[in-house]
PDB file of N, CA and C in Angstrom:
ATOM      1  N   MET A   1      84.196  -3.684-163.287  1.00  0.00           N
ATOM      2  CA  MET A   1      83.320  -4.633-164.242  1.00  0.00           C
ATOM      3  C   MET A   1      81.822  -3.557-163.805  1.00  0.00           C
ATOM      4  N   ALA A   2      80.994  -3.414-164.870  1.00  0.00           N
ATOM      5  CA  ALA A   2      79.862  -2.663-164.786  1.00  0.00           C
ATOM      6  C   ALA A   2      78.569  -3.599-164.170  1.00  0.00           C
ATOM      7  N   ASN A   3      78.077  -2.973-163.630  1.00  0.00           N
ATOM      8  CA  ASN A   3      76.790  -3.473-163.050  1.00  0.00           C
ATOM      9  C   ASN A   3      75.709  -3.489-164.185  1.00  0.00           C
ATOM     10  N   ASP A   4      75.332  -4.732-164.502  1.00  0.00           N
ATOM     11  CA  ASP A   4      74.260  -4.603-165.694  1.00  0.00           C
ATOM     12  C   ASP A   4      72.984  -5.232-165.099  1.00  0.00           C
ATOM     13  N   ARG A   5      72.804  -5.111-163.948  1.00  0.00           N
ATOM     14  CA  ARG A   5      71.290  -5.728-163.257  1.00  0.00           C
ATOM     15  C   ARG A   5      70.308  -4.769-163.618  1.00  0.00           C
ATOM     16  N   LYS A   6      69.131  -5.009-163.640  1.00  0.00           N
ATOM     17  CA  LYS A   6      68.036  -3.939-164.117  1.00  0.00           C
ATOM     18  C   LYS A   6      67.141  -3.858-163.122  1.00  0.00           C
ATOM     19  N   GLY A   7      66.996  -2.629-162.678  1.00  0.00           N
ATOM     20  CA  GLY A   7      65.985  -2.478-161.383  1.00  0.00           C
ATOM     21  C   GLY A   7      64.728  -2.482-161.881  1.00  0.00           C
ATOM     22  N   TRP A   8      63.709  -2.790-161.125  1.00  0.00           N
ATOM     23  CA  TRP A   8      62.355  -2.725-161.414  1.00  0.00           C
ATOM     24  C   TRP A   8      61.820  -1.601-162.198  1.00  0.00           C
ATOM     25  N   ALA A   9      62.379  -0.634-162.071  1.00  0.00           N
ATOM     26  CA  ALA A   9      62.146   0.954-162.879  1.00  0.00           C
ATOM     27  C   ALA A   9      62.918   1.039-164.339  1.00  0.00           C
ATOM     28  N   ASP A  10      63.583   0.187-164.531  1.00  0.00           N
ATOM     29  CA  ASP A  10      64.235   0.093-165.843  1.00  0.00           C
ATOM     30  C   ASP A  10      63.584  -0.641-167.017  1.00  0.00           C
ATOM     31  N   LYS A  11      62.170  -1.466-166.361  1.00  0.00           N
ATOM     32  CA  LYS A  11      61.522  -2.402-167.237  1.00  0.00           C
ATOM     33  C   LYS A  11      60.544  -1.264-168.054  1.00  0.00           C
ATOM     34  N   PRO A  12      60.221  -1.188-169.356  1.00  0.00           N
ATOM     35  CA  PRO A  12      59.438  -0.312-170.002  1.00  0.00           C
ATOM     36  C   PRO A  12      57.556  -0.332-169.212  1.00  0.00           C
ATOM     37  N   GLU A  13      57.458  -1.617-169.354  1.00  0.00           N
ATOM     38  CA  GLU A  13      56.304  -1.925-168.929  1.00  0.00           C
ATOM     39  C   GLU A  13      55.809  -1.264-167.360  1.00  0.00           C
ATOM     40  N   ASN A  14      56.833  -1.467-166.494  1.00  0.00           N
ATOM     41  CA  ASN A  14      56.651  -0.948-165.024  1.00  0.00           C
ATOM     42  C   ASN A  14      56.444   0.539-164.873  1.00  0.00           C
ATOM     43  N   ARG A  15      57.391   1.443-166.094  1.00  0.00           N
ATOM     44  CA  ARG A  15      57.402   2.808-166.030  1.00  0.00           C
ATOM     45  C   ARG A  15      56.241   3.140-166.458  1.00  0.00           C
ATOM     46  N   ARG A  16      55.435   2.496-167.556  1.00  0.00           N
ATOM     47  CA  ARG A  16      54.204   2.915-168.076  1.00  0.00           C
ATOM     48  C   ARG A  16      53.374   2.675-166.886  1.00  0.00           C
ATOM     49  N   THR A  17      53.398   1.611-166.358  1.00  0.00           N
ATOM     50  CA  THR A  17      52.391   1.626-165.112  1.00  0.00           C
ATOM     51  C   THR A  17      52.189   2.280-164.092  1.00  0.00           C
ATOM     52  N   VAL A  18      53.376   3.083-163.744  1.00  0.00           N
ATOM     53  CA  VAL A  18      53.711   3.923-162.765  1.00  0.00           C
ATOM     54  C   VAL A  18      53.210   5.146-163.223  1.00  0.00           C
ATOM     55  N   ARG A  19      53.604   5.580-164.668  1.00  0.00           N
ATOM     56  CA  ARG A  19      53.090   6.727-164.971  1.00  0.00           C
ATOM     57  C   ARG A  19      51.233   6.610-165.045  1.00  0.00           C
ATOM     58  N   LEU A  20      50.744   5.710-165.785  1.00  0.00           N
ATOM     59  CA  LEU A  20      49.598   5.865-165.604  1.00  0.00           C
ATOM     60  C   LEU A  20      48.908   5.639-164.005  1.00  0.00           C
ATOM     61  N   VAL A  21      49.141   5.191-163.047  1.00  0.00           N
ATOM     62  CA  VAL A  21      49.104   5.628-161.846  1.00  0.00           C
ATOM     63  C   VAL A  21      49.046   6.657-161.547  1.00  0.00           C
ATOM     64  N   LEU A  22      50.027   7.395-161.875  1.00  0.00           N
ATOM     65  CA  LEU A  22      50.153   9.199-161.662  1.00  0.00           C
ATOM     66  C   LEU A  22      49.306   9.892-162.077  1.00  0.00           C
ATOM     67  N   TYR A  23      48.885   9.431-163.439  1.00  0.00           N
ATOM     68  CA  TYR A  23      48.056  10.235-164.064  1.00  0.00           C
ATOM     69  C   TYR A  23      46.571  10.003-163.399  1.00  0.00           C
ATOM     70  N   ILE A  24      46.032   8.956-163.354  1.00  0.00           N
ATOM     71  CA  ILE A  24      44.953   8.684-162.545  1.00  0.00           C
ATOM     72  C   ILE A  24      44.628   9.197-161.240  1.00  0.00           C
ATOM     73  N   ALA A  25      45.913   9.523-160.709  1.00  0.00           N
ATOM     74  CA  ALA A  25      45.979   9.933-159.017  1.00  0.00           C
ATOM     75  C   ALA A  25      45.731  11.258-159.334  1.00  0.00           C
ATOM     76  N   CYS A  26      46.128  12.120-160.497  1.00  0.00           N
ATOM     77  CA  CYS A  26      46.164  13.437-160.854  1.00  0.00           C
ATOM     78  C   CYS A  26      44.927  13.374-160.988  1.00  0.00           C
ATOM     79  N   VAL A  27      44.169  13.041-161.983  1.00  0.00           N
ATOM     80  CA  VAL A  27      42.781  13.207-162.562  1.00  0.00           C
ATOM     81  C   VAL A  27      41.786  12.932-161.145  1.00  0.00           C
ATOM     82  N   LEU A  28      41.967  12.266-160.340  1.00  0.00           N
ATOM     83  CA  LEU A  28      41.059  11.907-159.481  1.00  0.00           C
ATOM     84  C   LEU A  28      41.102  12.757-158.499  1.00  0.00           C
ATOM     85  N   LEU A  29      42.261  13.562-158.054  1.00  0.00           N
ATOM     86  CA  LEU A  29      42.536  14.684-157.162  1.00  0.00           C
ATOM     87  C   LEU A  29      41.785  15.983-157.695  1.00  0.00           C
ATOM     88  N   VAL A  30      41.866  15.953-159.217  1.00  0.00           N
ATOM     89  CA  VAL A  30      41.135  17.070-159.697  1.00  0.00           C
ATOM     90  C   VAL A  30      39.514  17.086-159.751  1.00  0.00           C
ATOM     91  N   LEU A  31      39.271  15.953-160.031  1.00  0.00           N
ATOM     92  CA  LEU A  31      37.867  15.758-159.772  1.00  0.00           C
ATOM     93  C   LEU A  31      37.449  15.710-158.299  1.00  0.00           C
ATOM     94  N   ALA A  32      38.144  15.297-157.478  1.00  0.00           N
ATOM     95  CA  ALA A  32      37.395  15.402-155.866  1.00  0.00           C
ATOM     96  C   ALA A  32      37.264  16.828-155.664  1.00  0.00           C
ATOM     97  N   ASP A  33      38.258  17.958-156.429  1.00  0.00           N
ATOM     98  CA  ASP A  33      38.152  19.380-156.243  1.00  0.00           C
ATOM     99  C   ASP A  33      36.726  20.029-156.341  1.00  0.00           C
ATOM    100  N   PHE A  34      36.060  19.231-157.315  1.00  0.00           N
ATOM    101  CA  PHE A  34      34.567  19.852-157.718  1.00  0.00           C
ATOM    102  C   PHE A  34      33.677  19.400-156.298  1.00  0.00           C
ATOM    103  N   PHE A  35      34.054  18.313-155.624  1.00  0.00           N
ATOM    104  CA  PHE A  35      33.055  17.742-154.457  1.00  0.00           C
ATOM    105  C   PHE A  35      33.474  18.277-153.071  1.00  0.00           C
ATOM    106  N   VAL A  36      34.850  18.145-152.632  1.00  0.00           N
ATOM    107  CA  VAL A  36      35.313  18.750-151.504  1.00  0.00           C
ATOM    108  C   VAL A  36      34.978  20.222-151.575  1.00  0.00           C
ATOM    109  N   HIS A  37      34.503  20.694-150.217  1.00  0.00           N
ATOM    110  CA  HIS A  37      34.224  22.209-149.665  1.00  0.00           C
ATOM    111  C   HIS A  37      35.665  22.595-149.179  1.00  0.00           C
ATOM    112  N   ARG A  38      36.038  23.564-149.798  1.00  0.00           N
ATOM    113  CA  ARG A  38      37.247  24.268-149.176  1.00  0.00           C
ATOM    114  C   ARG A  38      37.019  25.456-148.736  1.00  0.00           C
ATOM    115  N   HIS A  39      37.573  25.611-147.536  1.00  0.00           N
ATOM    116  CA  HIS A  39      37.361  27.080-146.850  1.00  0.00           C
ATOM    117  C   HIS A  39      38.336  28.300-147.727  1.00  0.00           C
ATOM    118  N   ALA A  40      37.988  29.127-148.615  1.00  0.00           N
ATOM    119  CA  ALA A  40      38.904  29.455-149.417  1.00  0.00           C
ATOM    120  C   ALA A  40      38.671  31.111-148.899  1.00  0.00           C
ATOM    121  N   GLU A  41      40.136  31.713-148.705  1.00  0.00           N
ATOM    122  CA  GLU A  41      39.966  33.031-148.310  1.00  0.00           C
ATOM    123  C   GLU A  41      40.240  33.975-149.425  1.00  0.00           C
ATOM    124  N   MET A  42      40.688  33.409-150.562  1.00  0.00           N
ATOM    125  CA  MET A  42      40.823  34.768-151.627  1.00  0.00           C
ATOM    126  C   MET A  42      39.816  34.129-152.709  1.00  0.00           C
ATOM    127  N   PRO A  43      39.344  35.081-153.229  1.00  0.00           N
ATOM    128  CA  PRO A  43      38.546  34.666-154.717  1.00  0.00           C
ATOM    129  C   PRO A  43      39.037  33.728-155.666  1.00  0.00           C
ATOM    130  N   ALA A  44      40.127  33.747-155.892  1.00  0.00           N
ATOM    131  CA  ALA A  44      41.004  32.653-157.021  1.00  0.00           C
ATOM    132  C   ALA A  44      40.669  31.434-156.496  1.00  0.00           C
ATOM    133  N   GLU A  45      40.602  31.098-155.288  1.00  0.00           N
ATOM    134  CA  GLU A  45      40.871  29.725-154.681  1.00  0.00           C
ATOM    135  C   GLU A  45      39.339  29.198-154.844  1.00  0.00           C
ATOM    136  N   LYS A  46      38.278  29.946-155.174  1.00  0.00           N
ATOM    137  CA  LYS A  46      37.223  29.173-155.528  1.00  0.00           C
ATOM    138  C   LYS A  46      37.163  28.576-156.829  1.00  0.00           C
ATOM    139  N   VAL A  47      37.822  29.027-157.753  1.00  0.00           N
ATOM    140  CA  VAL A  47      37.884  28.402-159.031  1.00  0.00           C
ATOM    141  C   VAL A  47      38.279  26.948-159.031  1.00  0.00           C
ATOM    142  N   PRO A  48      37.181  26.040-159.679  1.00  0.00           N
ATOM    143  CA  PRO A  48      37.622  24.699-159.819  1.00  0.00           C
ATOM    144  C   PRO A  48      38.935  24.337-160.269  1.00  0.00           C
ATOM    145  N   ALA A  49      39.690  23.440-159.646  1.00  0.00           N
ATOM    146  CA  ALA A  49      40.920  22.874-160.061  1.00  0.00           C
ATOM    147  C   ALA A  49      41.901  24.340-160.179  1.00  0.00           C
ATOM    148  N   PHE A  50      41.888  24.942-158.980  1.00  0.00           N
ATOM    149  CA  PHE A  50      42.675  26.050-158.929  1.00  0.00           C
ATOM    150  C   PHE A  50      44.356  25.853-158.778  1.00  0.00           C
ATOM    151  N   TYR A  51      44.174  24.848-157.685  1.00  0.00           N
ATOM    152  CA  TYR A  51      45.442  24.300-157.051  1.00  0.00           C
ATOM    153  C   TYR A  51      46.187  23.748-158.105  1.00  0.00           C
ATOM    154  N   ALA A  52      45.708  23.026-159.054  1.00  0.00           N
ATOM    155  CA  ALA A  52      46.284  22.055-160.411  1.00  0.00           C
ATOM    156  C   ALA A  52      46.543  22.860-161.184  1.00  0.00           C
ATOM    157  N   TRP A  53      45.974  23.938-161.608  1.00  0.00           N
ATOM    158  CA  TRP A  53      46.782  25.230-162.537  1.00  0.00           C
ATOM    159  C   TRP A  53      47.782  25.979-161.655  1.00  0.00           C
ATOM    160  N   TYR A  54      47.805  26.578-160.634  1.00  0.00           N
ATOM    161  CA  TYR A  54      48.622  27.087-159.901  1.00  0.00           C
ATOM    162  C   TYR A  54      49.973  26.074-159.815  1.00  0.00           C
ATOM    163  N   GLY A  55      49.850  24.904-159.609  1.00  0.00           N
ATOM    164  CA  GLY A  55      51.109  23.986-159.372  1.00  0.00           C
ATOM    165  C   GLY A  55      51.610  23.945-161.040  1.00  0.00           C
ATOM    166  N   PHE A  56      50.918  23.750-161.650  1.00  0.00           N
ATOM    167  CA  PHE A  56      51.536  23.820-163.094  1.00  0.00           C
ATOM    168  C   PHE A  56      52.211  25.158-163.590  1.00  0.00           C
ATOM    169  N   ILE A  57      51.593  26.177-163.528  1.00  0.00           N
ATOM    170  CA  ILE A  57      51.979  27.571-163.851  1.00  0.00           C
ATOM    171  C   ILE A  57      53.633  27.952-162.748  1.00  0.00           C
ATOM    172  N   SER A  58      53.348  27.340-161.700  1.00  0.00           N
ATOM    173  CA  SER A  58      54.578  27.340-160.933  1.00  0.00           C
ATOM    174  C   SER A  58      55.579  26.503-161.575  1.00  0.00           C
ATOM    175  N   LEU A  59      55.460  25.521-161.871  1.00  0.00           N
ATOM    176  CA  LEU A  59      56.398  24.374-162.145  1.00  0.00           C
ATOM    177  C   LEU A  59      57.090  24.969-163.913  1.00  0.00           C
ATOM    178  N   VAL A  60      56.183  25.503-164.501  1.00  0.00           N
ATOM    179  CA  VAL A  60      56.726  25.785-165.681  1.00  0.00           C
ATOM    180  C   VAL A  60      57.585  27.362-165.359  1.00  0.00           C
ATOM    181  N   ALA A  61      57.302  27.974-164.463  1.00  0.00           N
ATOM    182  CA  ALA A  61      57.922  29.253-164.196  1.00  0.00           C
ATOM    183  C   ALA A  61      59.408  28.950-163.462  1.00  0.00           C
ATOM    184  N   VAL A  62      59.358  28.022-162.664  1.00  0.00           N
ATOM    185  CA  VAL A  62      60.792  27.198-162.349  1.00  0.00           C
ATOM    186  C   VAL A  62      61.664  26.839-163.340  1.00  0.00           C
ATOM    187  N   VAL A  63      60.972  26.118-164.170  1.00  0.00           N
ATOM    188  CA  VAL A  63      61.865  25.292-165.363  1.00  0.00           C
ATOM    189  C   VAL A  63      62.238  26.631-166.246  1.00  0.00           C
ATOM    190  N   LEU A  64      61.626  27.708-166.581  1.00  0.00           N
ATOM    191  CA  LEU A  64      62.119  28.641-167.573  1.00  0.00           C
ATOM    192  C   LEU A  64      62.578  29.656-166.566  1.00  0.00           C
ATOM    193  N   SER A  65      62.970  29.821-165.361  1.00  0.00           N
ATOM    194  CA  SER A  65      63.610  30.609-164.551  1.00  0.00           C
ATOM    195  C   SER A  65      64.887  29.921-164.429  1.00  0.00           C
ATOM    196  N   ALA A  66      65.053  28.854-164.299  1.00  0.00           N
ATOM    197  CA  ALA A  66      66.449  27.840-164.249  1.00  0.00           C
ATOM    198  C   ALA A  66      67.148  27.945-165.616  1.00  0.00           C
ATOM    199  N   LYS A  67      66.478  27.870-166.680  1.00  0.00           N
ATOM    200  CA  LYS A  67      67.173  27.954-168.019  1.00  0.00           C
ATOM    201  C   LYS A  67      67.694  29.534-168.234  1.00  0.00           C
ATOM    202  N   VAL A  68      67.079  30.464-167.601  1.00  0.00           N
ATOM    203  CA  VAL A  68      67.501  31.737-168.007  1.00  0.00           C
ATOM    204  C   VAL A  68      68.866  31.825-166.932  1.00  0.00           C
ATOM    205  N   LEU A  69      68.520  31.425-165.515  1.00  0.00           N
ATOM    206  CA  LEU A  69      69.602  31.287-164.466  1.00  0.00           C
ATOM    207  C   LEU A  69      70.915  30.472-164.986  1.00  0.00           C
ATOM    208  N   ARG A  70      70.667  29.356-165.850  1.00  0.00           N
ATOM    209  CA  ARG A  70      71.932  28.758-166.272  1.00  0.00           C
ATOM    210  C   ARG A  70      72.626  29.566-167.427  1.00  0.00           C
ATOM    211  N   MET A  71      71.878  30.287-168.146  1.00  0.00           N
ATOM    212  CA  MET A  71      72.772  31.204-168.901  1.00  0.00           C
ATOM    213  C   MET A  71      73.643  32.250-168.441  1.00  0.00           C
ATOM    214  N   ILE A  72      73.105  32.554-166.974  1.00  0.00           N
ATOM    215  CA  ILE A  72      73.935  33.383-166.515  1.00  0.00           C
ATOM    216  C   ILE A  72      75.170  33.057-165.772  1.00  0.00           C
ATOM    217  N   VAL A  73      74.903  31.855-165.105  1.00  0.00           N
ATOM    218  CA  VAL A  73      75.954  31.367-164.225  1.00  0.00           C
ATOM    219  C   VAL A  73      77.097  29.853-164.940  1.00  0.00           C
ATOM    220  N   LYS A  74      76.249  29.723-166.372  1.00  0.00           N
ATOM    221  CA  LYS A  74      77.502  28.612-166.790  1.00  0.00           C
ATOM    222  C   LYS A  74      78.651  29.117-166.982  1.00  0.00           C
ATOM    223  N   ARG A  75      79.244  28.052-166.985  1.00  0.00           N
ATOM    224  CA  ARG A  75      80.996  28.073-167.195  1.00  0.00           C
ATOM    225  C   ARG A  75      81.461  27.583-168.595  1.00  0.00           C
ATOM    226  N   PRO A  76      82.687  28.186-169.096  1.00  0.00           N
ATOM    227  CA  PRO A  76      82.848  27.447-170.294  1.00  0.00           C
ATOM    228  C   PRO A  76      83.150  26.330-170.096  1.00  0.00           C
ATOM    229  N   GLU A  77      83.310  25.458-171.264  1.00  0.00           N
ATOM    230  CA  GLU A  77      83.433  23.801-171.325  1.00  0.00           C
ATOM    231  C   GLU A  77      84.561  23.532-170.782  1.00  0.00           C
ATOM    232  N   ASP A  78      85.862  24.334-170.728  1.00  0.00           N
ATOM    233  CA  ASP A  78      86.936  24.011-170.505  1.00  0.00           C
ATOM    234  C   ASP A  78      87.703  24.609-169.038  1.00  0.00           C
ATOM    235  N   TYR A  79      86.678  25.172-168.251  1.00  0.00           N
ATOM    236  CA  TYR A  79      86.714  26.183-166.910  1.00  0.00           C
ATOM    237  C   TYR A  79      87.436  25.339-166.185  1.00  0.00           C
ATOM    238  N   TYR A  80      87.391  23.934-166.293  1.00  0.00           N
ATOM    239  CA  TYR A  80      88.146  23.137-164.953  1.00  0.00           C
ATOM    240  C   TYR A  80      89.510  22.253-165.746  1.00  0.00           C
ATOM    241  N   ASP A  81      89.988  22.671-166.782  1.00  0.00           N
ATOM    242  CA  ASP A  81      90.938  21.956-167.502  1.00  0.00           C
ATOM    243  C   ASP A  81      92.280  22.395-166.466  1.00  0.00           C
ATOM    244  N   ASP A  82      93.051  21.398-166.571  1.00  0.00           N
ATOM    245  CA  ASP A  82      94.530  21.922-166.218  1.00  0.00           C
ATOM    246  C   ASP A  82      95.063  22.750-166.552  1.00  0.00           C
ATOM    247  N   ALA A  83      95.717  23.932-166.058  1.00  0.00           N
ATOM    248  CA  ALA A  83      96.560  24.944-167.164  1.00  0.00           C
ATOM    249  C   ALA A  83      97.835  24.267-167.178  1.00  0.00           C
ATOM    250  N   SER A  84      98.453  23.564-166.796  1.00  0.00           N
ATOM    251  CA  SER A  84      99.751  22.740-166.675  1.00  0.00           C
ATOM    252  C   SER A  84      99.929  21.715-167.957  1.00  0.00           C
TER     253      SER A  84
END
């Protein structure tokens, strides 16, 4: 018997609310970057929203490298099939 109960994260309105809260938090953090004094050691760190851009570019790099790595290490579809 399958468990047909739905959790709070399965409701579309709750997913929309969580997504909206996360977007607002991201925007507020980027805006706070303009007002908070940072003790930057590298010149690039003085650029407004540097850490947001750095994180986004790092995420894209990880996803693209994972796609390349998947092509290298993937197995054929029938790799684990029984030979008997």
